[in-house]
Amino acid sequence: MRTVRINRTALTRNALAALSGLLAGFAALTVAELVSAAVRPEAGPVTAVGGAAIDRTPVQVKDWAIRTFGENDKIVLQLGIVVTLALFAVAVGLLALRHRRTGSAAVLVFGAVGTAAAVSRPDSTGLADGLPSLVGAVAGALLLYVLAGRLTATATADAPEAETGWDRRGFLVAATAAAAASTAAGAVGRAWNGRGARDAVASRNAVRLPAPASPAAPIPAGARLRVRGISPFTTPNKDFYRVDTALVIPKVDAGSWRLRIHGEGVHRDLEFTYQDLLDRPLIEREITLCCVSNEVGGPYIGHARWIGVRLADLLTEAGVKPPSRGGKADQIVARSVDGMTLGTPVEDVMDGRDAMLALGMNGEPLPFVHGFPVRMLVPGLYGYVSACKWIEEIELTTFDAYDAYWVKRSWAREAPIKTQSRIDTPKPFARPGAGTVMVAGVAWAQHRGIEKVEIRVDDGPWRPAVLAEQDTVDTWRQWSYPWKATPGSHTLTVRATDGTGETQTEKRTKTVPDGADGWHSVVVTVD
C-alpha cells in the first residue's frame, strides 16, 4: 500500500510540476505583453519570434505553407509557436522539480530567444524591443522557482524514501494567485496595446475620400459575363487575397502617419502627411493585382478600383529622373511600417503607367489588411516588387547597391507579371451532365492585355473562347466556351495570348524565382 501511495504521490507531483511550467510560461507571455504596451506591440515575444521564423524560413517552405494553408498560414505558425512554448514549459517544470535552480534558469532561454528575435527584426527600434521578452522571462523564472519550492519533497523519519513532505496547500494557493495575476496582466496588456489600434480605427472611420481629379472610365457592360461560377470582375474587399509576412496586421493612425522620399537623384527630400495626399489631385483606376506565389490556376489574384496619388508626380517633384533620361537611381525601395522592403524599377514607375500610392479600394479607404493608410501599386508587376502595404518610406537607390527583402531570399529583382489563364468553372472533379456545359474563367497579362483565349478538350484541337469586352490592359479579362460535353472523363485545358502576341508556354514551372508558368487544366467526369 505504501508503494502505491508513493507512486501516486510521485505522479501527482510530476503533474503539478508540469502545471508549474505551464503557469510560468503563461506568466512570461502575459507579463511580456504588458511590457510591450510600454514599448510597442510588435515587440511581444510571439510576434517577434514568429516574424523571425518567417524571415529565416527557406523560400520553398514558405511557398509550401502558402499552398497548403493559404491565408491561414500565419495562424498555423502562431499556433505552432504556442504549442512549442507549451511543450518547453512542461519540460522545464519537470526539470525544476528535481533541479529547482536549473529548471527556473531554463525559462530565461525563452527570454533570450524572444529578445534576440525582437531586436533583430527589420522594424526593430533598438534594444528596448528586447525588454518584453526579457522581463517576461524573469517573471516566469521567479514564479517557477516559487512553485517548484512548494513541490520539493522532504523525507520523514517514518518514510525516509517517500516523497510526502511537499506543501500541497501552499502550491495550490501560489498557483491560483499566479494564474489570476497573469490573467490580469494579460488583460491589461491587451487593453493598453489596443489603444493604438482604436486610434487607427477612428482615423480610418473619419476619412472621406474626395472625388478623383481623374476618374476611372465606367466598366464596359460587356466586361462582365453572366456565367455561374466565374470569378466576379470586381473582387469584393472581403474576398481580396492577402499574402504578406505580417503576423499582426499593422494598425496605423492616419493622423500620425508620414511618408518620406529621399535617396539617389533626389534633389530635395519630401515628406507627406495623409492629409497632404488627400489634398492632391487623385487618380482612380481599375487594376488587377497578382501575387508571385500564385500557382498555375491559383487564387492569389484579384481586381479592384483604386484611388490614389500618381507616384511618378511625387518622384518628379523630388527631382527624380528615370535611368532612360539620365537618372542616377534605377530602383525604388519602398519600406513598410513593419520593416518589409520591396524593390521596384524606377523606369516602370515613370514610364506613363498608372503607378500610384493608393488611398482607397472599391470606394472606401483601404482596409487595414490591405495597407491602410497608404499602399503602393504598379500595374504589370507582381506584388512582391510593387505593392508595398503600410508604406512609410521611399528611397531611391540602385539594384546593385541594395537587395530588397524577397530578392535576398532567391526571388528575381524584376518581375513583370506573366501571361496566365484559369478555368473557374467547372471545378476540378466536377460531374456535369451531358450536353452543353459552359466552361469559363479569367485570363490576365497586366499592362499588355489579353488578345485571345483558347480551350482544348482532351488531346483535341484548340478552340477559341468567347472573350468578354476588355476594360483596360491593366485588368483581367473574363472568357467562356460552350462545350458540347459527352459522357466520360475529360481534361479541359486553357491557354491565353497577350496583347503582344505572346502565348502562354505549356511547360510548368514553379513560382520561384519570378512566377509560375504553364497551362491550367481540370479533369471532369460527364455523367
Protein backbone atom coordinates (compact mmCIF):
# COMPACT_ATOMS: atom_id res chain seq x y z
CA MET A 1 0.00 0.00 0.00
CA ARG A 2 2.81 2.37 0.88
CA THR A 3 4.42 1.75 -2.54
CA VAL A 4 1.13 2.54 -4.31
CA ARG A 5 0.76 5.71 -2.21
CA ILE A 6 4.33 6.74 -3.06
CA ASN A 7 3.72 6.18 -6.78
CA ARG A 8 0.51 8.18 -6.71
CA THR A 9 2.26 10.98 -4.85
CA ALA A 10 5.07 10.99 -7.41
CA LEU A 11 2.61 11.11 -10.30
CA THR A 12 0.73 13.97 -8.65
CA ARG A 13 3.91 15.93 -8.10
CA ASN A 14 5.01 15.37 -11.70
CA ALA A 15 1.64 16.55 -12.97
CA LEU A 16 1.80 19.63 -10.78
CA ALA A 17 5.38 20.25 -11.87
CA ALA A 18 4.22 20.25 -15.49
CA LEU A 19 1.44 22.64 -14.48
CA SER A 20 4.06 24.83 -12.80
CA GLY A 21 5.95 25.07 -16.06
CA LEU A 22 2.79 25.98 -17.96
CA LEU A 23 1.90 28.64 -15.40
CA ALA A 24 5.43 30.05 -15.60
CA GLY A 25 5.22 30.16 -19.40
CA PHE A 26 1.79 31.80 -19.22
CA ALA A 27 3.12 34.39 -16.79
CA ALA A 28 6.12 35.06 -19.02
CA LEU A 29 3.87 35.69 -22.04
CA THR A 30 1.35 37.89 -20.23
CA VAL A 31 3.98 39.97 -18.47
CA ALA A 32 5.76 40.35 -21.81
CA GLU A 33 2.52 41.56 -23.37
CA LEU A 34 2.08 44.05 -20.55
CA VAL A 35 5.61 45.37 -21.02
CA SER A 36 5.17 45.51 -24.80
CA ALA A 37 2.38 48.01 -24.26
CA ALA A 38 5.01 50.38 -22.89
CA VAL A 39 7.46 49.61 -25.71
CA ARG A 40 5.37 48.73 -28.78
CA PRO A 41 3.00 45.82 -29.50
CA GLU A 42 5.21 44.39 -32.25
CA ALA A 43 7.95 43.72 -29.65
CA GLY A 44 5.87 41.00 -27.98
CA PRO A 45 7.63 37.60 -28.00
CA VAL A 46 5.13 35.62 -30.06
CA THR A 47 5.04 38.30 -32.75
CA ALA A 48 8.81 38.79 -32.69
CA VAL A 49 9.67 35.08 -32.73
CA GLY A 50 7.05 34.41 -35.39
CA GLY A 51 8.38 37.22 -37.56
CA ALA A 52 11.95 36.00 -37.14
CA ALA A 53 10.81 32.48 -38.07
CA ILE A 54 9.20 33.82 -41.26
CA ASP A 55 12.35 35.76 -42.11
CA ARG A 56 14.54 32.67 -41.73
CA THR A 57 12.26 30.11 -43.32
CA PRO A 58 13.56 28.80 -46.67
CA VAL A 59 11.59 30.14 -49.60
CA GLN A 60 10.48 26.62 -50.62
CA VAL A 61 8.90 26.11 -47.18
CA LYS A 62 7.14 29.47 -47.37
CA ASP A 63 5.75 28.56 -50.77
CA TRP A 64 4.56 25.20 -49.40
CA ALA A 65 2.87 26.94 -46.45
CA ILE A 66 1.03 29.34 -48.75
CA ARG A 67 -0.10 26.47 -50.99
CA THR A 68 -1.14 24.28 -48.06
CA PHE A 69 -2.67 26.74 -45.61
CA GLY A 70 -3.46 29.72 -47.83
CA GLU A 71 -4.23 32.87 -45.86
CA ASN A 72 -4.30 30.81 -42.64
CA ASP A 73 -0.54 30.22 -42.78
CA LYS A 74 0.16 32.81 -40.08
CA ILE A 75 -2.44 31.34 -37.73
CA VAL A 76 -0.81 27.94 -38.16
CA LEU A 77 2.60 29.46 -37.41
CA GLN A 78 1.35 31.19 -34.26
CA LEU A 79 -0.32 28.01 -33.05
CA GLY A 80 2.91 26.14 -33.69
CA ILE A 81 4.84 28.67 -31.60
CA VAL A 82 2.36 28.42 -28.73
CA VAL A 83 2.43 24.60 -28.80
CA THR A 84 6.24 24.62 -28.84
CA LEU A 85 6.32 27.02 -25.89
CA ALA A 86 3.84 24.86 -24.00
CA LEU A 87 5.96 21.73 -24.50
CA PHE A 88 9.07 23.64 -23.46
CA ALA A 89 7.24 24.93 -20.38
CA VAL A 90 6.22 21.40 -19.34
CA ALA A 91 9.81 20.21 -19.77
CA VAL A 92 11.30 22.98 -17.59
CA GLY A 93 8.60 22.41 -14.99
CA LEU A 94 9.58 18.75 -14.67
CA LEU A 95 13.26 19.75 -14.62
CA ALA A 96 12.63 22.27 -11.83
CA LEU A 97 11.05 19.53 -9.68
CA ARG A 98 14.42 17.79 -9.49
CA HIS A 99 16.78 20.71 -10.13
CA ARG A 100 14.96 23.77 -8.93
CA ARG A 101 17.50 26.42 -9.90
CA THR A 102 18.43 24.85 -13.21
CA GLY A 103 14.81 24.46 -14.28
CA SER A 104 13.96 28.01 -13.29
CA ALA A 105 17.00 29.38 -15.08
CA ALA A 106 15.98 27.46 -18.20
CA VAL A 107 12.98 29.79 -18.52
CA LEU A 108 15.48 32.53 -19.28
CA VAL A 109 16.20 30.71 -22.54
CA PHE A 110 12.72 31.80 -23.58
CA GLY A 111 13.69 35.38 -22.84
CA ALA A 112 16.96 35.11 -24.75
CA VAL A 113 15.24 33.78 -27.88
CA GLY A 114 12.50 36.39 -27.73
CA THR A 115 14.95 39.22 -27.09
CA ALA A 116 17.22 38.19 -29.96
CA ALA A 117 14.24 37.88 -32.30
CA ALA A 118 12.79 41.26 -31.31
CA VAL A 119 15.97 43.31 -31.70
CA SER A 120 16.88 41.62 -35.00
CA ARG A 121 13.57 42.30 -36.75
CA PRO A 122 13.70 44.71 -39.72
CA ASP A 123 11.31 47.09 -37.95
CA SER A 124 13.17 47.00 -34.62
CA THR A 125 13.53 50.37 -32.92
CA GLY A 126 16.51 49.24 -30.82
CA LEU A 127 17.39 47.33 -27.67
CA ALA A 128 14.15 48.40 -26.00
CA ASP A 129 12.33 45.90 -28.21
CA GLY A 130 14.01 43.11 -26.24
CA LEU A 131 12.56 44.25 -22.89
CA PRO A 132 9.17 42.49 -23.13
CA SER A 133 10.73 39.06 -23.67
CA LEU A 134 13.43 39.67 -21.07
CA VAL A 135 11.13 40.95 -18.32
CA GLY A 136 8.56 38.26 -19.08
CA ALA A 137 11.20 35.52 -18.83
CA VAL A 138 12.45 36.82 -15.47
CA ALA A 139 8.88 36.86 -14.13
CA GLY A 140 8.33 33.31 -15.38
CA ALA A 141 11.61 32.06 -13.89
CA LEU A 142 10.83 33.55 -10.47
CA LEU A 143 7.34 32.06 -10.47
CA LEU A 144 8.65 28.61 -11.40
CA TYR A 145 11.24 28.84 -8.62
CA VAL A 146 8.48 29.60 -6.09
CA LEU A 147 6.13 26.87 -7.33
CA ALA A 148 8.90 24.28 -7.53
CA GLY A 149 9.77 25.11 -3.92
CA ARG A 150 6.26 24.13 -2.87
CA LEU A 151 6.74 20.77 -4.57
CA THR A 152 10.13 19.97 -3.07
CA ALA A 153 9.95 16.68 -1.12
CA THR A 154 11.12 16.38 2.47
CA ALA A 155 11.82 12.88 3.77
CA THR A 156 10.38 11.91 7.18
CA ALA A 157 11.68 9.55 9.87
CA ASP A 158 8.80 7.13 9.23
CA ALA A 159 9.22 7.16 5.44
CA PRO A 160 12.76 8.12 4.54
CA GLU A 161 12.23 7.26 0.84
CA ALA A 162 8.72 8.63 0.44
CA GLU A 163 8.01 11.88 -1.31
CA THR A 164 5.36 13.08 1.13
CA GLY A 165 6.74 16.27 2.59
CA TRP A 166 5.69 18.77 -0.10
CA ASP A 167 3.41 21.72 0.54
CA ARG A 168 0.21 20.84 -1.31
CA ARG A 169 -1.85 23.70 0.11
CA GLY A 170 0.92 26.24 -0.42
CA PHE A 171 1.30 25.13 -4.03
CA LEU A 172 -2.41 25.45 -4.77
CA VAL A 173 -2.57 28.92 -3.22
CA ALA A 174 0.53 30.11 -5.09
CA ALA A 175 -0.60 28.57 -8.39
CA THR A 176 -4.07 30.08 -8.14
CA ALA A 177 -2.67 33.51 -7.29
CA ALA A 178 -0.16 33.28 -10.17
CA ALA A 179 -2.86 32.30 -12.68
CA ALA A 180 -5.07 35.18 -11.57
CA ALA A 181 -2.24 37.72 -11.65
CA SER A 182 -1.06 36.53 -15.06
CA THR A 183 -4.57 36.72 -16.48
CA ALA A 184 -4.94 40.24 -15.15
CA ALA A 185 -1.55 41.26 -16.60
CA GLY A 186 -2.51 39.88 -19.97
CA ALA A 187 -5.86 41.67 -19.93
CA VAL A 188 -4.24 45.00 -19.04
CA GLY A 189 -1.55 44.47 -21.68
CA ARG A 190 -4.11 43.73 -24.38
CA ALA A 191 -6.17 46.75 -23.36
CA TRP A 192 -3.15 49.07 -23.47
CA ASN A 193 -1.92 47.60 -26.73
CA GLY A 194 -5.39 48.08 -28.16
CA ARG A 195 -5.33 51.84 -27.60
CA GLY A 196 -3.21 52.48 -30.67
CA ALA A 197 -5.42 50.20 -32.73
CA ARG A 198 -8.53 52.07 -31.58
CA ASP A 199 -6.96 55.37 -32.60
CA ALA A 200 -6.11 53.91 -36.00
CA VAL A 201 -9.66 52.62 -36.48
CA ALA A 202 -11.05 56.02 -35.53
CA SER A 203 -8.74 57.74 -38.02
CA ARG A 204 -9.88 55.43 -40.81
CA ASN A 205 -13.54 55.92 -39.93
CA ALA A 206 -13.03 59.68 -40.21
CA VAL A 207 -11.65 59.50 -43.77
CA ARG A 208 -13.83 60.82 -46.56
CA LEU A 209 -12.24 60.11 -49.91
CA PRO A 210 -12.56 63.11 -52.24
CA ALA A 211 -13.76 62.80 -55.81
CA PRO A 212 -10.83 61.93 -58.09
CA ALA A 213 -9.50 64.55 -60.45
CA SER A 214 -9.05 61.76 -62.99
CA PRO A 215 -11.88 59.23 -62.50
CA ALA A 216 -11.82 55.72 -63.91
CA ALA A 217 -13.87 55.14 -67.01
CA PRO A 218 -17.04 53.11 -66.43
CA ILE A 219 -16.51 49.37 -66.71
CA PRO A 220 -17.95 48.27 -70.07
CA ALA A 221 -21.16 46.31 -69.70
CA GLY A 222 -19.68 43.55 -71.79
CA ALA A 223 -16.72 43.08 -69.44
CA ARG A 224 -18.88 41.11 -67.00
CA LEU A 225 -20.06 37.70 -68.16
CA ARG A 226 -23.21 36.19 -66.70
CA VAL A 227 -21.82 32.70 -66.13
CA ARG A 228 -22.42 30.82 -62.91
CA GLY A 229 -19.17 30.02 -61.12
CA ILE A 230 -16.95 32.59 -62.84
CA SER A 231 -14.90 35.00 -60.70
CA PRO A 232 -16.65 38.39 -60.44
CA PHE A 233 -14.93 41.09 -62.45
CA THR A 234 -14.53 43.25 -59.32
CA THR A 235 -13.33 41.36 -56.26
CA PRO A 236 -15.08 42.47 -53.04
CA ASN A 237 -12.63 43.79 -50.44
CA LYS A 238 -13.52 41.00 -48.02
CA ASP A 239 -12.61 38.38 -50.63
CA PHE A 240 -9.44 40.02 -51.94
CA TYR A 241 -6.41 37.81 -51.44
CA ARG A 242 -3.82 38.55 -48.77
CA VAL A 243 -0.21 37.37 -48.91
CA ASP A 244 2.34 39.10 -46.66
CA THR A 245 4.66 38.37 -43.73
CA ALA A 246 2.83 40.39 -41.06
CA LEU A 247 1.78 38.17 -38.12
CA VAL A 248 -0.13 41.11 -36.68
CA ILE A 249 -1.84 43.44 -39.14
CA PRO A 250 -0.40 46.93 -38.58
CA LYS A 251 -2.98 49.43 -37.34
CA VAL A 252 -1.56 52.82 -38.29
CA ASP A 253 -3.11 56.11 -37.22
CA ALA A 254 -3.53 58.20 -40.37
CA GLY A 255 -3.12 61.36 -38.30
CA SER A 256 0.44 60.49 -37.28
CA TRP A 257 1.46 58.71 -40.49
CA ARG A 258 4.24 60.22 -42.58
CA LEU A 259 5.83 59.32 -45.91
CA ARG A 260 9.43 60.28 -46.69
CA ILE A 261 11.00 60.34 -50.16
CA HIS A 262 14.80 60.53 -50.33
CA GLY A 263 17.91 58.96 -51.85
CA GLU A 264 19.96 58.95 -55.05
CA GLY A 265 18.91 61.53 -57.61
CA VAL A 266 16.51 63.24 -55.21
CA HIS A 267 17.15 66.99 -55.38
CA ARG A 268 15.23 67.64 -52.18
CA ASP A 269 13.77 65.24 -49.65
CA LEU A 270 10.00 65.32 -49.40
CA GLU A 271 7.67 64.38 -46.56
CA PHE A 272 3.91 63.99 -46.80
CA THR A 273 1.11 63.55 -44.31
CA TYR A 274 -2.00 61.55 -45.12
CA GLN A 275 -3.95 64.80 -45.50
CA ASP A 276 -1.29 66.10 -47.90
CA LEU A 277 -2.02 63.17 -50.19
CA LEU A 278 -5.79 63.55 -49.86
CA ASP A 279 -5.46 67.20 -50.88
CA ARG A 280 -3.59 66.39 -54.09
CA PRO A 281 -5.25 65.61 -57.44
CA LEU A 282 -6.21 61.93 -57.20
CA ILE A 283 -6.47 59.33 -59.92
CA GLU A 284 -8.92 56.44 -59.94
CA ARG A 285 -8.07 53.30 -61.88
CA GLU A 286 -9.16 49.69 -62.43
CA ILE A 287 -6.12 47.49 -61.68
CA THR A 288 -5.76 43.73 -61.25
CA LEU A 289 -3.16 42.60 -58.71
CA CYS A 290 -1.42 39.23 -58.66
CA CYS A 291 0.95 37.55 -56.20
CA VAL A 292 4.09 35.85 -57.45
CA SER A 293 3.24 32.91 -55.15
CA ASN A 294 0.21 32.16 -57.29
CA GLU A 295 0.49 28.65 -58.71
CA VAL A 296 -0.97 27.90 -62.14
CA GLY A 297 -4.73 28.17 -61.65
CA GLY A 298 -4.22 29.57 -58.14
CA PRO A 299 -6.40 32.01 -56.17
CA TYR A 300 -3.94 34.81 -55.38
CA ILE A 301 -5.23 37.34 -57.87
CA GLY A 302 -7.95 39.95 -57.55
CA HIS A 303 -9.31 43.08 -59.17
CA ALA A 304 -10.35 46.37 -57.59
CA ARG A 305 -10.96 50.04 -58.34
CA TRP A 306 -8.19 52.01 -56.67
CA ILE A 307 -7.91 55.71 -55.90
CA GLY A 308 -4.65 57.44 -55.03
CA VAL A 309 -1.82 59.80 -55.97
CA ARG A 310 0.20 59.24 -59.11
CA LEU A 311 3.61 58.12 -57.85
CA ALA A 312 5.53 59.50 -60.84
CA ASP A 313 4.31 63.01 -59.96
CA LEU A 314 5.75 62.76 -56.45
CA LEU A 315 9.08 61.49 -57.77
CA THR A 316 9.21 64.26 -60.36
CA GLU A 317 8.63 66.87 -57.65
CA ALA A 318 11.58 65.38 -55.76
CA GLY A 319 13.75 65.82 -58.86
CA VAL A 320 13.92 62.13 -59.77
CA LYS A 321 14.54 61.12 -63.38
CA PRO A 322 14.28 57.60 -64.79
CA PRO A 323 17.52 55.97 -65.99
CA SER A 324 16.44 56.43 -69.63
CA ARG A 325 16.65 60.18 -69.03
CA GLY A 326 19.91 60.16 -67.13
CA GLY A 327 18.58 59.46 -63.64
CA LYS A 328 21.01 58.16 -61.01
CA ALA A 329 18.64 55.65 -59.42
CA ASP A 330 17.15 52.59 -61.11
CA GLN A 331 15.41 51.15 -58.03
CA ILE A 332 12.76 52.40 -55.65
CA VAL A 333 13.00 50.76 -52.23
CA ALA A 334 9.62 51.00 -50.52
CA ARG A 335 9.63 50.42 -46.76
CA SER A 336 6.63 49.40 -44.70
CA VAL A 337 5.95 50.22 -41.06
CA ASP A 338 6.62 46.54 -40.26
CA GLY A 339 10.09 46.68 -41.83
CA MET A 340 9.25 44.99 -45.13
CA THR A 341 11.22 46.25 -48.14
CA LEU A 342 10.18 45.99 -51.79
CA GLY A 343 12.32 46.96 -54.77
CA THR A 344 10.67 48.46 -57.87
CA PRO A 345 12.26 49.59 -61.15
CA VAL A 346 12.17 53.39 -61.41
CA GLU A 347 11.73 53.10 -65.17
CA ASP A 348 8.47 51.16 -64.78
CA VAL A 349 7.04 53.65 -62.30
CA MET A 350 7.82 56.62 -64.55
CA ASP A 351 7.02 55.18 -68.00
CA GLY A 352 3.47 56.53 -68.04
CA ARG A 353 1.59 53.63 -66.45
CA ASP A 354 -0.78 54.33 -63.55
CA ALA A 355 1.62 53.57 -60.69
CA MET A 356 0.17 55.10 -57.55
CA LEU A 357 0.16 55.46 -53.81
CA ALA A 358 -3.33 54.09 -53.20
CA LEU A 359 -5.59 55.56 -50.52
CA GLY A 360 -8.83 53.80 -51.37
CA MET A 361 -10.11 50.47 -52.63
CA ASN A 362 -13.51 49.85 -54.20
CA GLY A 363 -14.93 53.13 -52.95
CA GLU A 364 -13.71 53.06 -49.35
CA PRO A 365 -10.47 53.86 -47.52
CA LEU A 366 -8.02 50.97 -47.72
CA PRO A 367 -8.91 48.17 -45.29
CA PHE A 368 -6.17 47.65 -42.68
CA VAL A 369 -5.42 44.21 -44.07
CA HIS A 370 -4.76 45.76 -47.48
CA GLY A 371 -2.47 48.54 -46.33
CA PHE A 372 -4.30 51.45 -44.67
CA PRO A 373 -3.44 54.26 -44.66
CA VAL A 374 -1.38 54.05 -47.87
CA ARG A 375 -0.04 51.32 -50.13
CA MET A 376 1.87 51.31 -53.39
CA LEU A 377 0.64 49.81 -56.68
CA VAL A 378 2.41 49.40 -60.02
CA PRO A 379 0.33 47.77 -62.78
CA GLY A 380 2.05 44.93 -64.57
CA LEU A 381 4.43 43.90 -61.78
CA TYR A 382 4.00 41.13 -59.23
CA GLY A 383 3.14 42.38 -55.76
CA TYR A 384 6.45 41.50 -54.16
CA VAL A 385 8.21 44.14 -56.26
CA SER A 386 5.46 46.75 -56.42
CA ALA A 387 2.62 46.55 -53.90
CA CYS A 388 4.10 47.69 -50.58
CA LYS A 389 1.39 47.85 -47.93
CA TRP A 390 1.54 50.21 -44.93
CA ILE A 391 4.26 52.16 -46.76
CA GLU A 392 6.12 54.89 -44.88
CA GLU A 393 9.33 55.46 -46.85
CA ILE A 394 10.55 55.58 -50.43
CA GLU A 395 14.29 55.51 -51.02
CA LEU A 396 15.83 55.96 -54.47
CA THR A 397 18.86 53.71 -54.99
CA THR A 398 20.22 51.14 -57.44
CA PHE A 399 19.73 47.41 -57.82
CA ASP A 400 23.48 46.94 -57.50
CA ALA A 401 23.55 48.79 -54.17
CA TYR A 402 20.62 47.14 -52.40
CA ASP A 403 18.65 43.88 -52.42
CA ALA A 404 15.13 44.10 -51.03
CA TYR A 405 13.60 41.51 -48.67
CA TRP A 406 12.46 38.94 -51.23
CA VAL A 407 15.47 39.33 -53.50
CA LYS A 408 17.65 38.27 -50.57
CA ARG A 409 15.52 35.13 -50.46
CA SER A 410 16.10 33.93 -54.04
CA TRP A 411 13.35 35.82 -55.88
CA ALA A 412 14.12 37.82 -59.02
CA ARG A 413 14.93 41.53 -58.84
CA GLU A 414 12.47 42.41 -61.59
CA ALA A 415 9.19 40.57 -62.02
CA PRO A 416 6.73 41.54 -64.75
CA ILE A 417 3.51 39.57 -64.46
CA LYS A 418 3.38 36.59 -66.80
CA THR A 419 0.51 35.83 -69.15
CA GLN A 420 -1.81 33.40 -67.37
CA SER A 421 -5.33 31.99 -67.57
CA ARG A 422 -7.55 29.98 -65.24
CA ILE A 423 -10.63 27.79 -65.52
CA ASP A 424 -13.12 28.83 -62.83
CA THR A 425 -15.95 26.54 -63.88
CA PRO A 426 -16.40 23.62 -63.97
CA LYS A 427 -14.35 22.89 -60.89
CA PRO A 428 -11.83 20.03 -60.80
CA PHE A 429 -13.53 16.61 -60.48
CA ALA A 430 -16.96 18.11 -61.16
CA ARG A 431 -19.65 15.83 -62.59
CA PRO A 432 -21.67 17.86 -65.08
CA GLY A 433 -24.40 16.30 -67.17
CA ALA A 434 -24.01 15.58 -70.84
CA GLY A 435 -24.95 18.39 -73.20
CA THR A 436 -23.81 21.99 -73.35
CA VAL A 437 -21.53 22.82 -70.40
CA MET A 438 -20.32 26.38 -70.06
CA VAL A 439 -16.56 26.47 -69.41
CA ALA A 440 -15.46 29.89 -68.15
CA GLY A 441 -12.73 31.71 -66.30
CA VAL A 442 -10.33 34.63 -66.36
CA ALA A 443 -7.07 35.50 -68.13
CA TRP A 444 -4.55 38.22 -67.32
CA ALA A 445 -1.42 39.89 -68.61
CA GLN A 446 -1.44 43.24 -66.83
CA HIS A 447 -0.17 46.20 -68.82
CA ARG A 448 -0.24 44.11 -72.01
CA GLY A 449 -3.86 42.96 -72.08
CA ILE A 450 -5.39 39.69 -73.31
CA GLU A 451 -5.85 39.19 -77.06
CA LYS A 452 -7.07 35.58 -77.23
CA VAL A 453 -8.08 32.62 -75.02
CA GLU A 454 -8.30 29.05 -76.31
CA ILE A 455 -9.74 25.83 -74.90
CA ARG A 456 -8.74 22.25 -75.58
CA VAL A 457 -10.75 19.15 -74.67
CA ASP A 458 -8.52 16.14 -74.03
CA ASP A 459 -6.00 16.00 -76.91
CA GLY A 460 -8.28 17.70 -79.41
CA PRO A 461 -7.64 20.91 -81.32
CA TRP A 462 -7.53 24.33 -79.66
CA ARG A 463 -10.82 26.20 -79.97
CA PRO A 464 -11.27 29.97 -79.47
CA ALA A 465 -13.17 31.01 -76.36
CA VAL A 466 -15.56 33.94 -76.34
CA LEU A 467 -13.86 36.92 -74.74
CA ALA A 468 -15.66 39.43 -72.60
CA GLU A 469 -15.01 43.04 -73.52
CA GLN A 470 -11.63 44.26 -72.25
CA ASP A 471 -11.79 47.07 -69.72
CA THR A 472 -8.14 48.17 -69.83
CA VAL A 473 -4.80 46.46 -70.41
CA ASP A 474 -4.25 46.59 -66.64
CA THR A 475 -7.28 44.40 -65.85
CA TRP A 476 -8.01 40.73 -66.19
CA ARG A 477 -10.46 39.52 -68.82
CA GLN A 478 -13.28 37.04 -68.50
CA TRP A 479 -13.91 34.35 -71.10
CA SER A 480 -16.34 31.50 -71.78
CA TYR A 481 -16.69 28.47 -74.04
CA PRO A 482 -19.87 26.42 -74.65
CA TRP A 483 -18.65 22.82 -74.59
CA LYS A 484 -20.68 20.01 -76.06
CA ALA A 485 -19.91 17.52 -73.29
CA THR A 486 -20.12 13.78 -73.92
CA PRO A 487 -20.18 11.09 -71.19
CA GLY A 488 -16.86 10.02 -69.70
CA SER A 489 -13.75 11.52 -68.16
CA HIS A 490 -12.32 14.60 -69.88
CA THR A 491 -9.44 17.02 -69.39
CA LEU A 492 -10.12 20.69 -70.12
CA THR A 493 -7.10 22.93 -70.75
CA VAL A 494 -6.87 26.69 -71.26
CA ARG A 495 -4.20 28.98 -72.64
CA ALA A 496 -4.10 32.73 -73.32
CA THR A 497 -2.33 35.05 -75.74
CA ASP A 498 -1.47 38.56 -74.59
CA GLY A 499 -1.62 41.87 -76.41
CA THR A 500 1.93 41.49 -77.72
CA GLY A 501 1.07 38.20 -79.43
CA GLU A 502 2.87 36.00 -76.89
CA THR A 503 1.05 32.77 -75.98
CA GLN A 504 1.41 31.01 -72.67
CA THR A 505 4.02 28.30 -72.58
CA GLU A 506 2.93 24.73 -71.86
CA LYS A 507 5.93 23.95 -69.66
CA ARG A 508 5.08 24.08 -65.97
CA THR A 509 7.47 25.99 -63.72
CA LYS A 510 7.37 26.76 -60.02
CA THR A 511 6.71 30.19 -58.62
CA VAL A 512 10.35 30.83 -57.68
CA PRO A 513 12.11 32.96 -58.88
CA ASP A 514 9.73 35.10 -60.95
CA GLY A 515 6.29 33.48 -61.11
CA ALA A 516 4.70 30.25 -62.33
CA ASP A 517 4.30 29.24 -65.97
CA GLY A 518 2.12 26.61 -67.62
CA TRP A 519 -1.37 25.79 -68.79
CA HIS A 520 -4.22 25.28 -66.33
CA SER A 521 -6.21 22.06 -66.67
CA VAL A 522 -9.14 20.48 -64.86
CA VAL A 523 -10.42 16.91 -65.04
CA VAL A 524 -14.18 16.38 -65.02
CA THR A 525 -16.47 13.38 -65.40
CA VAL A 526 -19.54 13.87 -67.56
CA ASP A 527 -22.50 11.74 -66.45
